[in-house]
C-alpha cells in the first residue's frame, strides 16, 4: 500500500497548535515547538542512522517551498549523497566566492544616498582600497581579528584618525555581511570589549588645526593663483572668496547658482550641518563663474576630467602643492575667520554664519530665523577687496579701515 503523502494543507499548517511533529509524508514534518513557533524538518536515514535536516521556519518557508526542499533532498539521497553535507559544501563554496573587496564595494554603493557629498563617498572608497587592500581578496566570512589587526596596526599611531575611521568602516561592512548571512560570529573589527584590549589607546585628535595661511599673506597668494589657468585654480579661488569647505565647492552645481540675486544656494543634503546655506556672491566670484560657464560641460560648475563628474577631491590640494605652500584648503577658512575678527567690526555670529557654523543654543536659533544674508554680503565684499587688492568697500559702518598692504 502506498504511503500517504501531502497530508498537510495550507489551512492545517496555519492553524495547528499542538506541540510536536506533524507529518506531511516522505520524511517531511512541520514541527510545532512548545512556544508555538513552527519550523520544517526533513528526516532521513544515512548509513543506518536517522538524520534531521532543518528546512527553515514557517515564517520564511511556505508549505510549497518545504515540499520542494524535501524533494530536492530526496533526489540527493537517491544520487548517493548526504543532503546535509552537500548543503554545507554548497554554502562554503558560495561564501568563499564572496570577497571582502566585492562586498565592500556593494555596501558603499548601497550607502551612497546617505553620504553628505561625493567627497565622503570617495573617502570610504579610498581608505578601503588603500589601507584595507590585504583584505580585499579574502572571503568576507573568513576575516578574523588577526586580519583586521594586520591592516590597522601599521597606521594606528601614525595616521590615527584615518585608522579609526577605517576600523569603523570595516566593522560596518562585516556587520552587513552578517546581516546577509555571509558570515557568523562576533565582529572582529569591534572596538569596545575587543580591539580596545589589543590596540593602544589612540591619540586624541586635535580639532581645528588645519594648516592655515596668515590672512596677511592671502592677497599675495591669490595674486599668484590668478596667473594659473587650470580649473582647480578657479575652484580654489572661489573656495577662498566664499570661505567654503572644499566639498561644497567641488560639488557645486549650476542649478544652485542664482545670478539674479547673486546667491549660491546649497541644499541641506550637501551641507555638513544638514541645513540650507545661502552664500552671497561677490563680483569676483561672479567673474569666476563667467569663466567656468565658458567651459561648461556638465551640471558641475567645476568639471573634472571624467565626463559628468566634478573636479577630483585632491585637485585643489595638488594646486597648493604645485604652488609650494604648506597649507590646506580648509585652512583658508581659518584665514578668513582671523581676518574678520582682527580687521573688521562685523559681529562674531555674522562671520560664523558665513562659515556655515551653527551659532547659539536652540532657543537663540529659534528666535534668529534669518541668515543675515545682506550683512554677510557686505562682509564678503570686504573680504574679496582685501584678498584681491581691489578698491575697498565702504567701511564706515561695518568694517574697520582696511589697511591695504603695499604691493
Protein backbone atom coordinates (compact mmCIF):
# COMPACT_ATOMS: atom_id res chain seq x y z
CA UNK A 1 0.00 0.00 0.00
CA UNK A 2 1.40 3.43 -0.98
CA UNK A 3 2.44 5.75 1.78
CA UNK A 4 0.17 8.71 2.28
CA UNK A 5 1.85 11.96 1.21
CA UNK A 6 0.82 15.60 1.30
CA UNK A 7 -1.18 15.08 4.46
CA UNK A 8 -0.96 18.74 5.41
CA UNK A 9 -2.84 21.65 3.88
CA UNK A 10 -2.16 25.36 3.96
CA UNK A 11 -5.02 25.76 6.41
CA UNK A 12 -3.87 22.98 8.77
CA UNK A 13 -0.32 24.36 8.71
CA UNK A 14 -1.61 27.78 9.71
CA UNK A 15 -3.99 26.56 12.42
CA UNK A 16 -2.27 23.59 14.03
CA UNK A 17 -1.11 24.43 17.55
CA UNK A 18 -0.43 21.08 19.22
CA UNK A 19 3.31 20.81 20.05
CA UNK A 20 5.13 18.00 18.26
CA UNK A 21 5.84 16.73 14.75
CA UNK A 22 3.09 16.79 12.15
CA UNK A 23 3.85 14.61 9.11
CA UNK A 24 3.28 15.63 5.53
CA UNK A 25 4.69 12.32 4.26
CA UNK A 26 8.01 11.06 2.81
CA UNK A 27 10.06 12.41 5.69
CA UNK A 28 8.73 16.00 5.75
CA UNK A 29 7.40 17.27 9.09
CA UNK A 30 6.04 20.51 10.46
CA UNK A 31 7.42 20.88 13.99
CA UNK A 32 5.43 22.94 16.49
CA UNK A 33 7.57 23.92 19.48
CA UNK A 34 6.18 24.39 23.00
CA UNK A 35 6.47 28.13 22.44
CA UNK A 36 4.17 27.90 19.43
CA UNK A 37 6.95 28.53 16.88
CA UNK A 38 6.72 26.41 13.72
CA UNK A 39 9.53 25.05 11.57
CA UNK A 40 10.12 22.45 8.88
CA UNK A 41 12.14 19.25 9.33
CA UNK A 42 13.22 16.54 6.89
CA UNK A 43 14.05 13.13 8.41
CA UNK A 44 16.12 10.54 6.54
CA UNK A 45 18.48 7.64 7.17
CA UNK A 46 22.16 7.86 6.24
CA UNK A 47 24.45 4.87 6.72
CA UNK A 48 21.89 3.32 9.06
CA UNK A 49 21.48 6.39 11.28
CA UNK A 50 18.49 8.73 11.48
CA UNK A 51 19.38 12.29 10.44
CA UNK A 52 17.45 15.54 10.88
CA UNK A 53 17.73 18.32 8.30
CA UNK A 54 16.17 21.70 9.11
CA UNK A 55 14.45 23.42 6.21
CA UNK A 56 13.60 26.75 7.82
CA UNK A 57 10.84 28.38 9.82
CA UNK A 58 7.24 28.66 8.64
CA UNK A 59 7.55 32.45 8.61
CA UNK A 60 10.02 32.26 5.72
CA UNK A 61 9.32 28.84 4.16
CA UNK A 62 5.82 28.04 2.95
CA UNK A 63 4.32 24.55 2.67
CA UNK A 64 5.03 24.51 -1.07
CA UNK A 65 8.63 25.64 -0.50
CA UNK A 66 9.15 22.98 2.18
CA UNK A 67 7.87 20.26 -0.14
CA UNK A 68 10.26 21.39 -2.88
CA UNK A 69 13.22 21.44 -0.46
CA UNK A 70 12.33 17.95 0.77
CA UNK A 71 12.02 16.70 -2.83
CA UNK A 72 15.48 18.10 -3.62
CA UNK A 73 16.91 16.34 -0.54
CA UNK A 74 15.34 13.04 -1.65
CA UNK A 75 16.91 13.44 -5.11
CA UNK A 76 20.29 13.99 -3.46
CA UNK A 77 19.84 10.84 -1.37
CA UNK A 78 18.89 8.85 -4.46
CA UNK A 79 22.12 10.02 -6.11
CA UNK A 80 24.06 8.62 -3.17
CA UNK A 81 24.91 11.84 -1.33
CA UNK A 82 24.15 13.17 2.13
CA UNK A 83 21.92 16.26 1.61
CA UNK A 84 23.15 17.88 4.83
CA UNK A 85 26.80 17.58 3.79
CA UNK A 86 26.02 18.70 0.25
CA UNK A 87 24.20 21.79 1.53
CA UNK A 88 27.12 22.60 3.82
CA UNK A 89 29.60 22.25 0.94
CA UNK A 90 27.46 24.43 -1.34
CA UNK A 91 27.25 27.11 1.35
CA UNK A 92 31.01 27.07 1.93
CA UNK A 93 31.63 27.44 -1.80
CA UNK A 94 29.16 30.29 -2.01
CA UNK A 95 30.71 32.11 0.94
CA UNK A 96 34.25 31.59 -0.37
CA UNK A 97 33.22 33.27 -3.63
CA UNK A 98 32.17 36.50 -1.85
CA UNK A 99 35.32 38.53 -1.20
CA UNK A 100 35.63 41.39 1.24
CA UNK A 101 36.52 43.77 -1.60
CA UNK A 102 33.49 42.91 -3.74
CA UNK A 103 31.12 43.07 -0.78
CA UNK A 104 32.67 46.34 0.46
CA UNK A 105 32.07 47.92 -2.95
CA UNK A 106 28.47 46.70 -2.80
CA UNK A 107 27.97 48.21 0.65
CA UNK A 108 29.49 51.57 -0.34
CA UNK A 109 27.17 51.73 -3.35
CA UNK A 110 24.14 50.97 -1.19
CA UNK A 111 25.16 53.68 1.31
CA UNK A 112 25.88 56.41 -1.25
CA UNK A 113 22.49 58.10 -0.87
CA UNK A 114 23.30 58.67 2.78
CA UNK A 115 26.71 60.26 2.18
CA UNK A 116 26.83 64.02 2.66
CA UNK A 117 28.72 64.55 -0.59
CA UNK A 118 30.92 62.91 -3.21
CA UNK A 119 34.00 63.57 -1.09
CA UNK A 120 32.58 61.46 1.76
CA UNK A 121 31.97 58.55 -0.60
CA UNK A 122 35.45 58.96 -2.08
CA UNK A 123 36.98 58.78 1.41
CA UNK A 124 35.22 55.48 2.09
CA UNK A 125 36.38 54.05 -1.23
CA UNK A 126 39.93 55.36 -0.86
CA UNK A 127 40.55 54.04 2.66
CA UNK A 128 39.07 50.62 1.88
CA UNK A 129 41.06 50.31 -1.36
CA UNK A 130 44.34 51.61 0.04
CA UNK A 131 44.65 50.55 3.67
CA UNK A 132 42.37 47.50 3.62
CA UNK A 133 43.96 46.14 0.44
CA UNK A 134 45.20 42.93 2.19
CA UNK A 135 41.57 42.05 2.97
CA UNK A 136 40.04 42.65 -0.43
CA UNK A 137 40.69 39.21 -1.95
CA UNK A 138 39.80 37.31 1.23
CA UNK A 139 36.38 35.65 1.63
CA UNK A 140 34.35 38.01 3.77
CA UNK A 141 33.35 35.11 6.06
CA UNK A 142 36.98 34.18 6.71
CA UNK A 143 38.20 37.53 8.08
CA UNK A 144 39.28 37.31 11.70
CA UNK A 145 40.86 39.51 14.35
CA UNK A 146 44.44 38.91 13.14
CA UNK A 147 43.47 40.04 9.63
CA UNK A 148 41.91 43.25 10.92
CA UNK A 149 44.96 43.96 13.11
CA UNK A 150 47.21 43.40 10.10
CA UNK A 151 45.74 46.43 8.33
CA UNK A 152 45.20 48.65 11.39
CA UNK A 153 48.46 48.23 13.31
CA UNK A 154 50.82 49.89 10.76
CA UNK A 155 48.79 53.14 10.77
CA UNK A 156 47.21 53.08 14.22
CA UNK A 157 49.56 55.71 15.70
CA UNK A 158 50.98 57.43 12.62
CA UNK A 159 47.58 58.06 10.98
CA UNK A 160 45.31 57.65 13.95
CA UNK A 161 42.22 59.40 12.62
CA UNK A 162 42.38 57.53 9.31
CA UNK A 163 42.93 54.26 11.17
CA UNK A 164 39.95 54.87 13.44
CA UNK A 165 37.68 55.61 10.50
CA UNK A 166 39.00 52.56 8.65
CA UNK A 167 38.23 50.33 11.65
CA UNK A 168 34.68 51.67 11.80
CA UNK A 169 34.17 51.09 8.08
CA UNK A 170 35.46 47.52 8.27
CA UNK A 171 33.16 46.89 11.24
CA UNK A 172 30.19 48.25 9.28
CA UNK A 173 30.94 46.04 6.28
CA UNK A 174 31.34 42.91 8.39
CA UNK A 175 28.10 43.68 10.23
CA UNK A 176 26.35 43.98 6.85
CA UNK A 177 27.85 40.65 5.79
CA UNK A 178 26.46 39.00 8.92
CA UNK A 179 23.04 40.54 8.27
CA UNK A 180 23.12 38.93 4.81
CA UNK A 181 24.18 35.60 6.34
CA UNK A 182 27.59 35.74 4.65
CA UNK A 183 29.38 35.24 7.96
CA UNK A 184 28.65 34.28 11.56
CA UNK A 185 30.10 35.01 14.98
CA UNK A 186 31.36 38.19 16.60
CA UNK A 187 32.65 41.12 14.56
CA UNK A 188 36.48 41.08 14.69
CA UNK A 189 36.62 44.83 14.00
CA UNK A 190 34.52 45.73 17.07
CA UNK A 191 36.32 48.22 19.32
CA UNK A 192 34.65 48.10 22.74
CA UNK A 193 35.45 44.90 24.58
CA UNK A 194 37.60 43.56 21.74
CA UNK A 195 40.15 45.63 19.81
CA UNK A 196 40.44 48.07 22.72
CA UNK A 197 42.18 45.20 24.52
CA UNK A 198 44.63 44.65 21.66
CA UNK A 199 45.50 48.14 20.37
CA UNK A 200 46.87 51.09 22.37
CA UNK A 201 44.53 53.99 23.01
CA UNK A 202 44.90 56.31 20.04
CA UNK A 203 45.94 59.90 20.47
CA UNK A 204 43.03 62.30 20.70
CA UNK A 205 42.52 64.30 17.54
CA UNK A 206 43.13 68.00 17.96
CA UNK A 207 40.29 69.63 16.09
CA UNK A 208 40.56 72.81 14.07
CA UNK A 209 44.30 72.54 13.36
CA UNK A 210 44.26 72.54 9.60
CA UNK A 211 47.42 74.29 8.40
CA UNK A 212 46.33 77.84 7.62
CA UNK A 213 47.96 80.80 5.88
CA UNK A 214 48.21 84.04 7.90
CA UNK A 215 45.50 86.28 6.47
CA UNK A 216 48.07 88.99 5.70
CA UNK A 217 49.68 86.62 3.16
CA UNK A 218 46.47 85.64 1.38
CA UNK A 219 46.40 88.64 -1.06
CA UNK A 220 49.85 87.76 -2.46
CA UNK A 221 48.87 84.11 -2.73
CA UNK A 222 45.65 84.94 -4.59
CA UNK A 223 47.57 87.19 -6.99
CA UNK A 224 49.83 84.24 -7.83
CA UNK A 225 46.83 81.91 -8.06
CA UNK A 226 45.13 84.13 -10.64
CA UNK A 227 48.05 83.62 -13.02
CA UNK A 228 47.11 79.97 -13.40
CA UNK A 229 44.57 78.81 -15.97
CA UNK A 230 43.58 75.44 -14.50
CA UNK A 231 40.02 74.67 -13.40
CA UNK A 232 41.49 73.78 -10.00
CA UNK A 233 42.84 77.33 -9.69
CA UNK A 234 39.38 78.80 -10.37
CA UNK A 235 37.80 76.41 -7.89
CA UNK A 236 40.36 77.21 -5.21
CA UNK A 237 39.90 80.98 -5.55
CA UNK A 238 36.11 80.53 -5.49
CA UNK A 239 36.55 78.47 -2.31
CA UNK A 240 38.71 81.15 -0.67
CA UNK A 241 36.40 84.01 -1.71
CA UNK A 242 33.38 82.29 -0.15
CA UNK A 243 35.18 80.79 2.88
CA UNK A 244 33.66 77.48 1.79
CA UNK A 245 34.51 73.88 2.52
CA UNK A 246 36.23 72.11 -0.36
CA UNK A 247 33.42 69.55 -0.72
CA UNK A 248 30.87 72.34 -1.10
CA UNK A 249 32.81 73.84 -4.00
CA UNK A 250 33.70 70.58 -5.70
CA UNK A 251 30.05 69.52 -5.67
CA UNK A 252 28.69 72.91 -6.76
CA UNK A 253 26.07 72.60 -9.49
CA UNK A 254 24.81 75.25 -11.89
CA UNK A 255 21.29 74.70 -10.58
CA UNK A 256 22.45 76.11 -7.22
CA UNK A 257 23.56 79.43 -8.72
CA UNK A 258 21.02 82.26 -8.76
CA UNK A 259 22.54 85.05 -10.81
CA UNK A 260 19.51 87.30 -10.40
CA UNK A 261 20.04 87.54 -6.62
CA UNK A 262 23.78 86.92 -6.86
CA UNK A 263 23.45 83.99 -4.48
CA UNK A 264 24.73 80.43 -4.31
CA UNK A 265 22.15 78.23 -2.56
CA UNK A 266 23.47 74.94 -1.17
CA UNK A 267 20.78 72.36 -0.35
CA UNK A 268 20.71 70.69 3.10
CA UNK A 269 21.94 67.33 1.83
CA UNK A 270 25.22 68.93 0.73
CA UNK A 271 25.90 70.72 3.98
CA UNK A 272 27.78 69.32 6.98
CA UNK A 273 25.12 70.70 9.32
CA UNK A 274 22.23 69.43 7.20
CA UNK A 275 20.74 72.92 6.71
CA UNK A 276 20.35 75.02 3.57
CA UNK A 277 23.14 77.58 3.26
CA UNK A 278 22.99 80.75 1.15
CA UNK A 279 26.26 82.30 0.00
CA UNK A 280 26.28 85.91 -1.24
CA UNK A 281 28.37 86.07 -4.41
CA UNK A 282 30.79 88.95 -4.87
CA UNK A 283 31.64 90.47 -8.23
CA UNK A 284 34.88 88.49 -8.32
CA UNK A 285 33.03 85.24 -7.56
CA UNK A 286 30.60 86.01 -10.38
CA UNK A 287 33.52 86.67 -12.72
CA UNK A 288 34.93 83.22 -11.90
CA UNK A 289 31.52 81.73 -12.68
CA UNK A 290 31.57 83.53 -16.05
CA UNK A 291 34.91 81.86 -16.86
CA UNK A 292 33.61 78.49 -15.69
CA UNK A 293 30.48 78.85 -17.81
CA UNK A 294 32.62 79.36 -20.89
CA UNK A 295 33.94 75.80 -20.50
CA UNK A 296 30.70 74.33 -19.14
CA UNK A 297 30.47 70.62 -19.92
CA UNK A 298 28.20 69.17 -17.22
CA UNK A 299 25.93 70.06 -14.30
CA UNK A 300 29.02 70.73 -12.17
CA UNK A 301 30.42 74.26 -12.01
CA UNK A 302 33.97 72.93 -11.82
CA UNK A 303 34.05 69.82 -14.03
CA UNK A 304 36.63 67.06 -13.78
CA UNK A 305 38.40 65.08 -16.49
CA UNK A 306 35.79 62.32 -16.42
CA UNK A 307 32.54 63.01 -18.19
CA UNK A 308 29.74 64.28 -15.93
CA UNK A 309 31.97 64.17 -12.87
CA UNK A 310 33.17 67.06 -10.69
CA UNK A 311 36.75 68.05 -10.13
CA UNK A 312 38.79 65.50 -8.18
CA UNK A 313 38.74 65.72 -4.38
CA UNK A 314 42.52 66.22 -4.49
CA UNK A 315 42.64 68.84 -7.26
CA UNK A 316 42.81 71.92 -5.03
CA UNK A 317 45.25 70.31 -2.60
CA UNK A 318 47.52 69.41 -5.53
CA UNK A 319 47.34 73.02 -6.73
CA UNK A 320 48.63 74.14 -3.33
CA UNK A 321 51.48 71.63 -3.54
CA UNK A 322 52.46 72.86 -7.01
CA UNK A 323 52.50 76.39 -5.64
CA UNK A 324 54.76 75.15 -2.83
CA UNK A 325 52.68 76.44 0.08
CA UNK A 326 52.37 74.30 3.19
CA UNK A 327 48.70 74.93 3.98
CA UNK A 328 45.40 73.14 3.41
CA UNK A 329 42.32 74.26 1.50
CA UNK A 330 40.32 74.09 4.73
CA UNK A 331 42.89 76.34 6.37
CA UNK A 332 41.72 79.34 4.31
CA UNK A 333 38.51 79.27 6.35
CA UNK A 334 40.69 79.99 9.39
CA UNK A 335 42.43 82.78 7.48
CA UNK A 336 39.03 84.34 6.76
CA UNK A 337 37.92 83.98 10.38
CA UNK A 338 41.11 85.58 11.71
CA UNK A 339 40.73 88.48 9.26
CA UNK A 340 37.10 89.02 10.25
CA UNK A 341 37.98 89.01 13.96
CA UNK A 342 41.12 91.13 13.79
CA UNK A 343 40.46 93.57 10.96
CA UNK A 344 36.70 94.14 10.96
CA UNK A 345 33.87 95.09 13.28
CA UNK A 346 31.43 92.55 11.92
CA UNK A 347 29.76 90.64 14.79
CA UNK A 348 31.12 87.20 15.57
CA UNK A 349 27.85 85.47 14.65
CA UNK A 350 27.94 87.00 11.15
CA UNK A 351 31.39 85.54 10.49
CA UNK A 352 30.34 82.18 11.95
CA UNK A 353 27.25 82.11 9.76
CA UNK A 354 29.42 82.80 6.71
CA UNK A 355 31.37 79.65 7.64
CA UNK A 356 28.07 77.73 7.91
CA UNK A 357 28.70 77.10 11.60
CA UNK A 358 25.78 76.59 13.99
CA UNK A 359 25.66 79.67 16.25
CA UNK A 360 24.00 79.84 19.67
CA UNK A 361 21.82 77.37 21.55
CA UNK A 362 18.50 76.00 20.34
CA UNK A 363 16.48 78.84 21.91
CA UNK A 364 18.68 81.53 20.39
CA UNK A 365 18.49 79.88 16.96
CA UNK A 366 14.70 79.65 17.20
CA UNK A 367 14.41 83.43 17.62
CA UNK A 368 17.04 84.21 14.98
CA UNK A 369 15.24 82.90 11.90
CA UNK A 370 17.20 84.82 9.24
CA UNK A 371 20.69 84.11 7.95
CA UNK A 372 21.85 87.76 7.75
CA UNK A 373 22.42 87.39 4.02
CA UNK A 374 22.74 91.10 3.22
CA UNK A 375 25.02 91.78 6.18
CA UNK A 376 27.16 88.86 5.08
CA UNK A 377 27.16 90.22 1.53
CA UNK A 378 28.93 93.36 2.80
CA UNK A 379 31.41 91.28 4.76
CA UNK A 380 32.24 89.00 1.82
CA UNK A 381 32.68 92.05 -0.43
CA UNK A 382 35.16 93.44 2.09
CA UNK A 383 37.00 90.07 2.17
CA UNK A 384 37.12 90.00 -1.64
CA UNK A 385 38.51 93.53 -1.68
CA UNK A 386 41.14 92.62 0.89
CA UNK A 387 42.43 89.46 -0.77
CA UNK A 388 42.08 90.85 -4.29
CA UNK A 389 43.75 94.21 -3.71
CA UNK A 390 40.69 95.80 -5.22
CA UNK A 391 39.04 99.10 -4.41
CA UNK A 392 37.99 98.88 -0.74
CA UNK A 393 34.28 98.83 0.03
CA UNK A 394 32.66 101.46 2.23
CA UNK A 395 33.94 100.58 5.70
CA UNK A 396 32.46 103.48 7.69
CA UNK A 397 29.73 101.49 9.45
CA UNK A 398 30.53 97.82 9.19
CA UNK A 399 34.27 97.41 8.88
CA UNK A 400 37.30 98.93 10.48
CA UNK A 401 39.52 100.69 7.94
CA UNK A 402 41.26 98.04 5.87
CA UNK A 403 44.89 98.98 5.72
CA UNK A 404 45.87 97.80 2.30
CA UNK A 405 49.31 96.24 2.27
CA UNK A 406 51.73 97.99 -0.04
CA UNK A 407 52.41 95.99 -3.18
